[in-house]
Amino acid sequence: MSDDNAQPTDGLWSRLRLIEGQPLAARADAYTAVHDELFRRLESGAKLDSHEKSASGDR
């Protein structure tokens, strides 16, 4: 089961909520920017910070 109250610690959740309040064309551009940033982070092998590790790794 997932915790519906869990929120990302890096500001992603607030960023997505901000994007949702924008007009459609701006939203599309903003989601593309988020996608590109997350893709670069994954491709670079960026490590999770210790808080994210403990939240996702101790199951």
PDB file of N, CA and C in Angstrom:
ATOM      1  N   MET A   1       0.828  -1.191   0.000  1.00  0.00           N
ATOM      2  CA  MET A   1       0.000   0.000   0.000  1.00  0.00           C
ATOM      3  C   MET A   1       0.861   1.239   0.000  1.00  0.00           C
ATOM      4  N   SER A   2       0.334   2.301  -0.593  1.00  0.00           N
ATOM      5  CA  SER A   2       1.086   3.549  -0.621  1.00  0.00           C
ATOM      6  C   SER A   2       0.484   4.537   0.358  1.00  0.00           C
ATOM      7  N   ASP A   3       1.312   5.445   0.791  1.00  0.00           N
ATOM      8  CA  ASP A   3       0.873   6.496   1.701  1.00  0.00           C
ATOM      9  C   ASP A   3       0.419   7.686   0.867  1.00  0.00           C
ATOM     10  N   ASP A   4      -0.880   7.953   0.828  1.00  0.00           N
ATOM     11  CA  ASP A   4      -1.422   9.021  -0.001  1.00  0.00           C
ATOM     12  C   ASP A   4      -0.981  10.404   0.463  1.00  0.00           C
ATOM     13  N   ASN A   5      -0.492  10.522   1.672  1.00  0.00           N
ATOM     14  CA  ASN A   5      -0.057  11.809   2.196  1.00  0.00           C
ATOM     15  C   ASN A   5       1.423  12.063   1.957  1.00  0.00           C
ATOM     16  N   ALA A   6       2.135  11.081   1.388  1.00  0.00           N
ATOM     17  CA  ALA A   6       3.565  11.248   1.151  1.00  0.00           C
ATOM     18  C   ALA A   6       3.779  12.277   0.049  1.00  0.00           C
ATOM     19  N   GLN A   7       4.750  13.169   0.272  1.00  0.00           N
ATOM     20  CA  GLN A   7       5.079  14.189  -0.715  1.00  0.00           C
ATOM     21  C   GLN A   7       6.573  14.174  -0.964  1.00  0.00           C
ATOM     22  N   PRO A   8       6.977  14.380  -2.225  1.00  0.00           N
ATOM     23  CA  PRO A   8       8.413  14.445  -2.507  1.00  0.00           C
ATOM     24  C   PRO A   8       9.066  15.564  -1.696  1.00  0.00           C
ATOM     25  N   THR A   9      10.307  15.346  -1.307  1.00  0.00           N
ATOM     26  CA  THR A   9      10.990  16.313  -0.463  1.00  0.00           C
ATOM     27  C   THR A   9      11.749  17.366  -1.252  1.00  0.00           C
ATOM     28  N   ASP A  10      11.845  17.217  -2.566  1.00  0.00           N
ATOM     29  CA  ASP A  10      12.653  18.138  -3.352  1.00  0.00           C
ATOM     30  C   ASP A  10      11.847  19.232  -4.039  1.00  0.00           C
ATOM     31  N   GLY A  11      10.614  19.438  -3.640  1.00  0.00           N
ATOM     32  CA  GLY A  11       9.804  20.497  -4.223  1.00  0.00           C
ATOM     33  C   GLY A  11       9.025  20.065  -5.451  1.00  0.00           C
ATOM     34  N   LEU A  12       9.131  18.810  -5.842  1.00  0.00           N
ATOM     35  CA  LEU A  12       8.437  18.341  -7.039  1.00  0.00           C
ATOM     36  C   LEU A  12       6.929  18.491  -6.896  1.00  0.00           C
ATOM     37  N   TRP A  13       6.413  18.106  -5.747  1.00  0.00           N
ATOM     38  CA  TRP A  13       4.961  18.164  -5.543  1.00  0.00           C
ATOM     39  C   TRP A  13       4.433  19.587  -5.698  1.00  0.00           C
ATOM     40  N   SER A  14       5.080  20.542  -5.066  1.00  0.00           N
ATOM     41  CA  SER A  14       4.623  21.932  -5.178  1.00  0.00           C
ATOM     42  C   SER A  14       4.815  22.449  -6.599  1.00  0.00           C
ATOM     43  N   ARG A  15       5.862  22.014  -7.249  1.00  0.00           N
ATOM     44  CA  ARG A  15       6.092  22.420  -8.641  1.00  0.00           C
ATOM     45  C   ARG A  15       4.985  21.898  -9.555  1.00  0.00           C
ATOM     46  N   LEU A  16       4.582  20.650  -9.360  1.00  0.00           N
ATOM     47  CA  LEU A  16       3.508  20.076 -10.177  1.00  0.00           C
ATOM     48  C   LEU A  16       2.178  20.775  -9.913  1.00  0.00           C
ATOM     49  N   ARG A  17       1.919  21.107  -8.659  1.00  0.00           N
ATOM     50  CA  ARG A  17       0.683  21.836  -8.344  1.00  0.00           C
ATOM     51  C   ARG A  17       0.679  23.216  -8.993  1.00  0.00           C
ATOM     52  N   LEU A  18       1.814  23.872  -9.012  1.00  0.00           N
ATOM     53  CA  LEU A  18       1.930  25.169  -9.663  1.00  0.00           C
ATOM     54  C   LEU A  18       1.677  25.041 -11.169  1.00  0.00           C
ATOM     55  N   ILE A  19       2.236  24.022 -11.774  1.00  0.00           N
ATOM     56  CA  ILE A  19       2.047  23.791 -13.204  1.00  0.00           C
ATOM     57  C   ILE A  19       0.571  23.574 -13.521  1.00  0.00           C
ATOM     58  N   GLU A  20      -0.119  22.827 -12.678  1.00  0.00           N
ATOM     59  CA  GLU A  20      -1.537  22.545 -12.930  1.00  0.00           C
ATOM     60  C   GLU A  20      -2.398  23.797 -12.971  1.00  0.00           C
ATOM     61  N   GLY A  21      -1.955  24.885 -12.371  1.00  0.00           N
ATOM     62  CA  GLY A  21      -2.711  26.122 -12.362  1.00  0.00           C
ATOM     63  C   GLY A  21      -2.468  26.997 -13.585  1.00  0.00           C
ATOM     64  N   GLN A  22      -1.597  26.557 -14.475  1.00  0.00           N
ATOM     65  CA  GLN A  22      -1.250  27.355 -15.649  1.00  0.00           C
ATOM     66  C   GLN A  22      -2.158  27.022 -16.832  1.00  0.00           C
ATOM     67  N   PRO A  23      -2.241  27.942 -17.815  1.00  0.00           N
ATOM     68  CA  PRO A  23      -2.982  27.646 -19.049  1.00  0.00           C
ATOM     69  C   PRO A  23      -2.371  26.431 -19.760  1.00  0.00           C
ATOM     70  N   LEU A  24      -3.162  25.790 -20.603  1.00  0.00           N
ATOM     71  CA  LEU A  24      -2.767  24.521 -21.220  1.00  0.00           C
ATOM     72  C   LEU A  24      -1.422  24.585 -21.944  1.00  0.00           C
ATOM     73  N   ALA A  25      -1.197  25.580 -22.768  1.00  0.00           N
ATOM     74  CA  ALA A  25       0.064  25.658 -23.520  1.00  0.00           C
ATOM     75  C   ALA A  25       1.261  25.798 -22.577  1.00  0.00           C
ATOM     76  N   ALA A  26       1.122  26.620 -21.561  1.00  0.00           N
ATOM     77  CA  ALA A  26       2.204  26.795 -20.582  1.00  0.00           C
ATOM     78  C   ALA A  26       2.412  25.515 -19.787  1.00  0.00           C
ATOM     79  N   ARG A  27       1.318  24.827 -19.476  1.00  0.00           N
ATOM     80  CA  ARG A  27       1.403  23.558 -18.756  1.00  0.00           C
ATOM     81  C   ARG A  27       2.207  22.530 -19.539  1.00  0.00           C
ATOM     82  N   ALA A  28       1.933  22.442 -20.832  1.00  0.00           N
ATOM     83  CA  ALA A  28       2.653  21.483 -21.677  1.00  0.00           C
ATOM     84  C   ALA A  28       4.149  21.769 -21.661  1.00  0.00           C
ATOM     85  N   ASP A  29       4.516  23.030 -21.806  1.00  0.00           N
ATOM     86  CA  ASP A  29       5.937  23.405 -21.778  1.00  0.00           C
ATOM     87  C   ASP A  29       6.559  23.105 -20.417  1.00  0.00           C
ATOM     88  N   ALA A  30       5.826  23.392 -19.353  1.00  0.00           N
ATOM     89  CA  ALA A  30       6.352  23.167 -18.004  1.00  0.00           C
ATOM     90  C   ALA A  30       6.534  21.677 -17.716  1.00  0.00           C
ATOM     91  N   TYR A  31       5.568  20.850 -18.150  1.00  0.00           N
ATOM     92  CA  TYR A  31       5.717  19.404 -17.953  1.00  0.00           C
ATOM     93  C   TYR A  31       6.881  18.855 -18.776  1.00  0.00           C
ATOM     94  N   THR A  32       7.093  19.406 -19.952  1.00  0.00           N
ATOM     95  CA  THR A  32       8.244  18.994 -20.762  1.00  0.00           C
ATOM     96  C   THR A  32       9.537  19.325 -20.037  1.00  0.00           C
ATOM     97  N   ALA A  33       9.595  20.492 -19.419  1.00  0.00           N
ATOM     98  CA  ALA A  33      10.793  20.888 -18.670  1.00  0.00           C
ATOM     99  C   ALA A  33      11.022  19.971 -17.472  1.00  0.00           C
ATOM    100  N   VAL A  34       9.955  19.617 -16.758  1.00  0.00           N
ATOM    101  CA  VAL A  34      10.076  18.697 -15.618  1.00  0.00           C
ATOM    102  C   VAL A  34      10.572  17.337 -16.105  1.00  0.00           C
ATOM    103  N   HIS A  35       9.990  16.845 -17.181  1.00  0.00           N
ATOM    104  CA  HIS A  35      10.402  15.562 -17.741  1.00  0.00           C
ATOM    105  C   HIS A  35      11.882  15.576 -18.093  1.00  0.00           C
ATOM    106  N   ASP A  36      12.306  16.620 -18.797  1.00  0.00           N
ATOM    107  CA  ASP A  36      13.704  16.715 -19.213  1.00  0.00           C
ATOM    108  C   ASP A  36      14.650  16.761 -18.018  1.00  0.00           C
ATOM    109  N   GLU A  37      14.260  17.511 -16.996  1.00  0.00           N
ATOM    110  CA  GLU A  37      15.105  17.603 -15.792  1.00  0.00           C
ATOM    111  C   GLU A  37      15.205  16.248 -15.082  1.00  0.00           C
ATOM    112  N   LEU A  38      14.077  15.568 -14.917  1.00  0.00           N
ATOM    113  CA  LEU A  38      14.098  14.258 -14.258  1.00  0.00           C
ATOM    114  C   LEU A  38      14.879  13.240 -15.083  1.00  0.00           C
ATOM    115  N   PHE A  39      14.732  13.299 -16.395  1.00  0.00           N
ATOM    116  CA  PHE A  39      15.477  12.403 -17.273  1.00  0.00           C
ATOM    117  C   PHE A  39      16.980  12.613 -17.110  1.00  0.00           C
ATOM    118  N   ARG A  40      17.403  13.884 -17.106  1.00  0.00           N
ATOM    119  CA  ARG A  40      18.834  14.178 -16.926  1.00  0.00           C
ATOM    120  C   ARG A  40      19.335  13.667 -15.582  1.00  0.00           C
ATOM    121  N   ARG A  41      18.523  13.833 -14.533  1.00  0.00           N
ATOM    122  CA  ARG A  41      18.933  13.359 -13.201  1.00  0.00           C
ATOM    123  C   ARG A  41      19.083  11.848 -13.184  1.00  0.00           C
ATOM    124  N   LEU A  42      18.153  11.149 -13.810  1.00  0.00           N
ATOM    125  CA  LEU A  42      18.237   9.685 -13.860  1.00  0.00           C
ATOM    126  C   LEU A  42      19.439   9.230 -14.682  1.00  0.00           C
ATOM    127  N   GLU A  43      19.640   9.848 -15.824  1.00  0.00           N
ATOM    128  CA  GLU A  43      20.744   9.477 -16.694  1.00  0.00           C
ATOM    129  C   GLU A  43      22.097   9.767 -16.071  1.00  0.00           C
ATOM    130  N   SER A  44      22.178  10.799 -15.254  1.00  0.00           N
ATOM    131  CA  SER A  44      23.458  11.148 -14.635  1.00  0.00           C
ATOM    132  C   SER A  44      23.787  10.238 -13.460  1.00  0.00           C
ATOM    133  N   GLY A  45      22.821   9.434 -13.039  1.00  0.00           N
ATOM    134  CA  GLY A  45      23.049   8.556 -11.904  1.00  0.00           C
ATOM    135  C   GLY A  45      23.043   9.296 -10.592  1.00  0.00           C
ATOM    136  N   ALA A  46      22.347  10.418 -10.550  1.00  0.00           N
ATOM    137  CA  ALA A  46      22.284  11.225  -9.328  1.00  0.00           C
ATOM    138  C   ALA A  46      21.806  10.362  -8.164  1.00  0.00           C
ATOM    139  N   LYS A  47      22.492  10.487  -7.072  1.00  0.00           N
ATOM    140  CA  LYS A  47      22.152   9.723  -5.875  1.00  0.00           C
ATOM    141  C   LYS A  47      21.019  10.385  -5.118  1.00  0.00           C
ATOM    142  N   LEU A  48      20.198   9.557  -4.453  1.00  0.00           N
ATOM    143  CA  LEU A  48      19.158  10.084  -3.581  1.00  0.00           C
ATOM    144  C   LEU A  48      19.798  10.630  -2.323  1.00  0.00           C
ATOM    145  N   ASP A  49      19.222  11.683  -1.761  1.00  0.00           N
ATOM    146  CA  ASP A  49      19.743  12.154  -0.486  1.00  0.00           C
ATOM    147  C   ASP A  49      19.328  11.173   0.610  1.00  0.00           C
ATOM    148  N   SER A  50      19.885  11.291   1.791  1.00  0.00           N
ATOM    149  CA  SER A  50      19.666  10.304   2.849  1.00  0.00           C
ATOM    150  C   SER A  50      18.208  10.218   3.262  1.00  0.00           C
ATOM    151  N   HIS A  51      17.463  11.319   3.243  1.00  0.00           N
ATOM    152  CA  HIS A  51      16.045  11.298   3.606  1.00  0.00           C
ATOM    153  C   HIS A  51      15.252  10.489   2.595  1.00  0.00           C
ATOM    154  N   GLU A  52      15.527  10.655   1.300  1.00  0.00           N
ATOM    155  CA  GLU A  52      14.832   9.909   0.271  1.00  0.00           C
ATOM    156  C   GLU A  52      15.187   8.428   0.340  1.00  0.00           C
ATOM    157  N   LYS A  53      16.451   8.120   0.652  1.00  0.00           N
ATOM    158  CA  LYS A  53      16.862   6.725   0.775  1.00  0.00           C
ATOM    159  C   LYS A  53      16.094   6.045   1.891  1.00  0.00           C
ATOM    160  N   SER A  54      15.988   6.687   3.049  1.00  0.00           N
ATOM    161  CA  SER A  54      15.311   6.057   4.177  1.00  0.00           C
ATOM    162  C   SER A  54      13.826   5.924   3.916  1.00  0.00           C
ATOM    163  N   ALA A  55      13.238   6.832   3.151  1.00  0.00           N
ATOM    164  CA  ALA A  55      11.811   6.766   2.860  1.00  0.00           C
ATOM    165  C   ALA A  55      11.497   5.672   1.860  1.00  0.00           C
ATOM    166  N   SER A  56      12.410   5.383   0.926  1.00  0.00           N
ATOM    167  CA  SER A  56      12.103   4.413  -0.113  1.00  0.00           C
ATOM    168  C   SER A  56      12.835   3.087   0.055  1.00  0.00           C
ATOM    169  N   GLY A  57      13.909   3.052   0.788  1.00  0.00           N
ATOM    170  CA  GLY A  57      14.734   1.859   0.844  1.00  0.00           C
ATOM    171  C   GLY A  57      14.500   0.948   2.024  1.00  0.00           C
ATOM    172  N   ASP A  58      13.811   1.398   3.044  1.00  0.00           N
ATOM    173  CA  ASP A  58      13.637   0.593   4.250  1.00  0.00           C
ATOM    174  C   ASP A  58      12.288  -0.103   4.265  1.00  0.00           C
ATOM    175  N   ARG A  59      12.058  -0.947   3.276  1.00  0.00           N
ATOM    176  CA  ARG A  59      10.767  -1.641   3.203  1.00  0.00           C
ATOM    177  C   ARG A  59      10.925  -3.094   3.461  1.00  0.00           C
TER     178      ARG A  59
END
